[in-house]
Amino acid sequence: MAEKMFDNRFRHGKCHFDLAGTSPVTVGMSGARFEKVTLDEEIGPEIIVKLTDLTPFAHELKRKRFALRLKSGVAQTSVGPVLFLLWWIPPITNGTPCALYEQVLNPSHTGVLEMLRHVASQTHLHLLLIGPGQELLDVYEFQSTFGLDKLIRVAESACREYCGMDFIAAKEEYDRTHELLELFRMSEPGTEEEIETES
């Protein structure tokens, strides 16, 4: 029997969310991260993606209807595996997407596994677009069809095989040995999912 999905669609149209209460954005850091927040009291806590772009491009992105795609995978290091999620925006020109945002996760951390399961159980994914000055530019709702099952299986295995691994060392090695565009270009076909914004 299929597990019942958590219906987290906005109940009353577009959400107007106050950034207060979310964790602060690290100055100088662009990228993506999962965060557990309550956007709508009727829905309750959910996992959202906070997409931070501290360049002027964030305002350009807000002004247009865009597609959001995801490639995910596992990068092996001498210390253990690192999970990567590459959120990207088409079109692709000369092998480079219009925009590319990285999210790196520790598969040996049990909280990561719980979070991935939570995201996979949601019917929708909400994305907060954060621009320069930590300004909340917009909130988007996407139908959640990311197919995170494969990534969850890898994380489950890592929780058993790499319990207590030094993720800081693994992340440092990952940063030294893996180039973002190279990861994007070599990610397996079929690990991406196109989601159109509904704003």
Protein backbone atom coordinates (compact mmCIF):
# COMPACT_ATOMS: atom_id res chain seq x y z
CA MET A 1 0.00 0.00 0.00
CA ALA A 2 1.41 3.39 -1.02
CA GLU A 3 2.31 5.77 1.76
CA LYS A 4 -0.13 8.66 2.08
CA MET A 5 1.30 11.96 0.84
CA PHE A 6 1.35 15.10 2.96
CA ASP A 7 -0.82 17.65 1.12
CA ASN A 8 0.96 20.95 1.63
CA ARG A 9 -0.61 23.00 -1.17
CA PHE A 10 -1.31 26.60 -0.18
CA ARG A 11 -4.90 26.68 1.00
CA HIS A 12 -5.75 30.26 0.05
CA GLY A 13 -3.75 31.05 -3.06
CA LYS A 14 -0.31 32.61 -2.97
CA CYS A 15 1.42 32.74 0.38
CA HIS A 16 2.69 36.03 1.80
CA PHE A 17 5.47 34.90 4.09
CA ASP A 18 7.57 36.97 6.48
CA LEU A 19 11.25 36.04 6.46
CA ALA A 20 11.45 36.63 10.22
CA GLY A 21 11.92 33.39 12.07
CA THR A 22 13.98 31.64 9.42
CA SER A 23 17.67 31.16 9.99
CA PRO A 24 19.86 34.02 8.73
CA VAL A 25 21.59 33.82 5.38
CA THR A 26 25.36 33.73 5.61
CA VAL A 27 26.71 36.90 4.02
CA GLY A 28 28.45 36.17 0.73
CA MET A 29 26.89 32.71 0.34
CA SER A 30 24.60 31.86 -2.54
CA GLY A 31 23.10 28.42 -2.94
CA ALA A 32 20.21 26.23 -1.85
CA ARG A 33 19.28 24.65 1.45
CA PHE A 34 16.36 22.80 2.95
CA GLU A 35 14.68 24.34 5.96
CA LYS A 36 11.75 23.31 8.14
CA VAL A 37 9.27 26.16 8.48
CA THR A 38 5.55 26.85 8.79
CA LEU A 39 4.35 28.98 5.89
CA ASP A 40 0.67 28.37 6.55
CA GLU A 41 -0.72 27.52 9.99
CA GLU A 42 -3.40 25.32 8.37
CA ILE A 43 -0.67 23.21 6.74
CA GLY A 44 1.82 23.12 9.61
CA PRO A 45 5.57 22.48 9.43
CA GLU A 46 7.02 21.49 6.07
CA ILE A 47 10.41 21.35 4.37
CA ILE A 48 11.03 24.20 1.94
CA VAL A 49 13.97 25.16 -0.27
CA LYS A 50 15.58 28.47 0.48
CA LEU A 51 17.27 29.54 -2.77
CA THR A 52 19.71 32.37 -2.13
CA ASP A 53 21.26 34.46 -4.88
CA LEU A 54 23.06 37.53 -3.57
CA THR A 55 23.69 38.90 -7.07
CA PRO A 56 21.43 41.22 -9.13
CA PHE A 57 20.35 38.14 -11.12
CA ALA A 58 17.93 37.31 -8.29
CA HIS A 59 15.79 40.34 -9.23
CA GLU A 60 15.89 39.31 -12.90
CA LEU A 61 14.75 35.83 -11.90
CA LYS A 62 11.86 37.22 -9.90
CA ARG A 63 10.58 39.15 -12.92
CA LYS A 64 10.19 36.13 -15.19
CA ARG A 65 8.37 32.83 -15.19
CA PHE A 66 11.08 30.20 -14.93
CA ALA A 67 11.49 26.45 -14.90
CA LEU A 68 13.36 24.82 -12.04
CA ARG A 69 15.14 21.53 -12.59
CA LEU A 70 17.08 19.22 -10.30
CA LYS A 71 19.99 16.83 -10.76
CA SER A 72 21.18 14.91 -7.74
CA GLY A 73 23.79 12.30 -7.00
CA VAL A 74 26.58 11.01 -4.80
CA ALA A 75 30.21 12.09 -4.89
CA GLN A 76 32.64 9.64 -3.28
CA THR A 77 35.58 10.94 -1.25
CA SER A 78 38.29 9.08 0.67
CA VAL A 79 36.36 9.86 3.86
CA GLY A 80 32.90 8.88 2.67
CA PRO A 81 30.07 9.93 0.34
CA VAL A 82 28.68 13.42 -0.13
CA LEU A 83 25.16 13.97 -1.48
CA PHE A 84 24.75 16.81 -3.95
CA LEU A 85 21.62 18.42 -5.33
CA LEU A 86 22.04 20.75 -8.29
CA TRP A 87 19.07 23.08 -8.76
CA TRP A 88 19.25 24.65 -12.20
CA ILE A 89 17.35 26.94 -14.50
CA PRO A 90 17.26 26.52 -18.30
CA PRO A 91 18.09 27.25 -21.01
CA ILE A 92 21.47 25.57 -21.39
CA THR A 93 23.96 27.46 -23.54
CA ASN A 94 27.25 25.78 -24.46
CA GLY A 95 26.71 23.21 -21.73
CA THR A 96 26.04 25.82 -19.05
CA PRO A 97 22.59 26.44 -17.54
CA CYS A 98 21.17 29.92 -17.11
CA ALA A 99 21.63 29.50 -13.34
CA LEU A 100 22.99 26.70 -11.15
CA TYR A 101 22.71 26.41 -7.37
CA GLU A 102 24.40 23.73 -5.28
CA GLN A 103 23.18 22.00 -2.14
CA VAL A 104 25.45 19.55 -0.32
CA LEU A 105 24.21 17.10 2.33
CA ASN A 106 25.80 14.71 4.83
CA PRO A 107 24.24 11.27 4.15
CA SER A 108 25.54 9.83 7.44
CA HIS A 109 23.53 12.34 9.49
CA THR A 110 20.21 10.81 10.51
CA GLY A 111 18.52 14.23 10.36
CA VAL A 112 19.33 14.42 6.64
CA LEU A 113 17.59 11.12 6.01
CA GLU A 114 14.53 12.26 7.96
CA MET A 115 14.47 15.53 6.02
CA LEU A 116 14.71 13.81 2.62
CA ARG A 117 11.86 11.49 3.55
CA HIS A 118 9.79 14.48 4.61
CA VAL A 119 10.45 16.26 1.30
CA ALA A 120 9.60 13.09 -0.63
CA SER A 121 6.29 12.76 1.25
CA GLN A 122 5.09 16.29 0.39
CA THR A 123 2.75 16.85 -2.54
CA HIS A 124 4.36 20.24 -3.18
CA LEU A 125 7.66 22.00 -2.68
CA HIS A 126 7.75 25.64 -1.65
CA LEU A 127 10.73 27.74 -2.62
CA LEU A 128 11.77 31.00 -1.02
CA LEU A 129 13.83 33.21 -3.34
CA ILE A 130 16.27 35.31 -1.31
CA GLY A 131 18.14 38.15 -3.01
CA PRO A 132 20.79 40.72 -2.13
CA GLY A 133 20.55 42.09 1.38
CA GLN A 134 18.78 38.88 2.48
CA GLU A 135 15.57 40.26 0.97
CA LEU A 136 12.73 37.79 0.48
CA LEU A 137 11.84 38.34 -3.18
CA ASP A 138 9.10 35.77 -3.67
CA VAL A 139 7.62 32.44 -2.60
CA TYR A 140 6.89 29.78 -5.22
CA GLU A 141 4.87 26.59 -5.12
CA PHE A 142 5.87 23.58 -7.25
CA GLN A 143 4.29 20.19 -7.64
CA SER A 144 6.75 17.82 -5.97
CA THR A 145 7.74 15.03 -8.35
CA PHE A 146 11.49 14.96 -7.67
CA GLY A 147 11.96 11.21 -7.39
CA LEU A 148 14.22 11.42 -4.33
CA ASP A 149 13.88 7.66 -3.63
CA LYS A 150 17.32 6.85 -5.07
CA LEU A 151 19.01 9.55 -3.01
CA ILE A 152 17.18 8.34 0.11
CA ARG A 153 18.43 4.78 -0.48
CA VAL A 154 22.01 6.07 -0.73
CA ALA A 155 21.57 8.07 2.47
CA GLU A 156 20.13 5.01 4.25
CA SER A 157 23.15 2.97 3.22
CA ALA A 158 25.54 5.73 4.34
CA CYS A 159 23.86 5.94 7.74
CA ARG A 160 24.80 2.30 8.28
CA GLU A 161 28.20 2.20 6.59
CA TYR A 162 29.62 5.63 7.37
CA CYS A 163 28.14 6.38 10.78
CA GLY A 164 30.16 9.14 12.45
CA MET A 165 32.22 10.00 9.37
CA ASP A 166 34.09 13.32 9.36
CA PHE A 167 31.79 15.25 7.05
CA ILE A 168 33.84 18.46 7.29
CA ALA A 169 36.83 16.58 5.85
CA ALA A 170 34.62 14.92 3.23
CA LYS A 171 33.15 18.28 2.20
CA GLU A 172 36.63 19.87 1.97
CA GLU A 173 37.79 17.04 -0.31
CA TYR A 174 34.59 17.29 -2.35
CA ASP A 175 35.14 21.04 -2.83
CA ARG A 176 38.75 20.46 -3.93
CA THR A 177 38.08 17.60 -6.32
CA HIS A 178 34.66 18.31 -7.84
CA GLU A 179 33.81 21.22 -10.11
CA LEU A 180 30.16 22.28 -10.16
CA LEU A 181 29.67 22.37 -13.93
CA GLU A 182 31.52 19.07 -14.30
CA LEU A 183 29.12 17.45 -11.81
CA PHE A 184 26.18 18.99 -13.65
CA ARG A 185 27.34 17.64 -17.01
CA MET A 186 28.12 14.13 -15.77
CA SER A 187 24.99 13.59 -13.64
CA GLU A 188 23.02 10.63 -14.91
CA PRO A 189 20.16 11.28 -17.33
CA GLY A 190 16.84 10.76 -15.60
CA THR A 191 17.97 12.27 -12.28
CA GLU A 192 16.48 15.60 -13.15
CA GLU A 193 12.96 16.87 -12.79
CA GLU A 194 11.47 19.90 -14.47
CA ILE A 195 9.09 21.95 -12.37
CA GLU A 196 7.36 25.07 -13.69
CA THR A 197 6.73 27.92 -11.32
CA GLU A 198 3.10 28.70 -10.61
CA SER A 199 3.47 32.32 -9.57
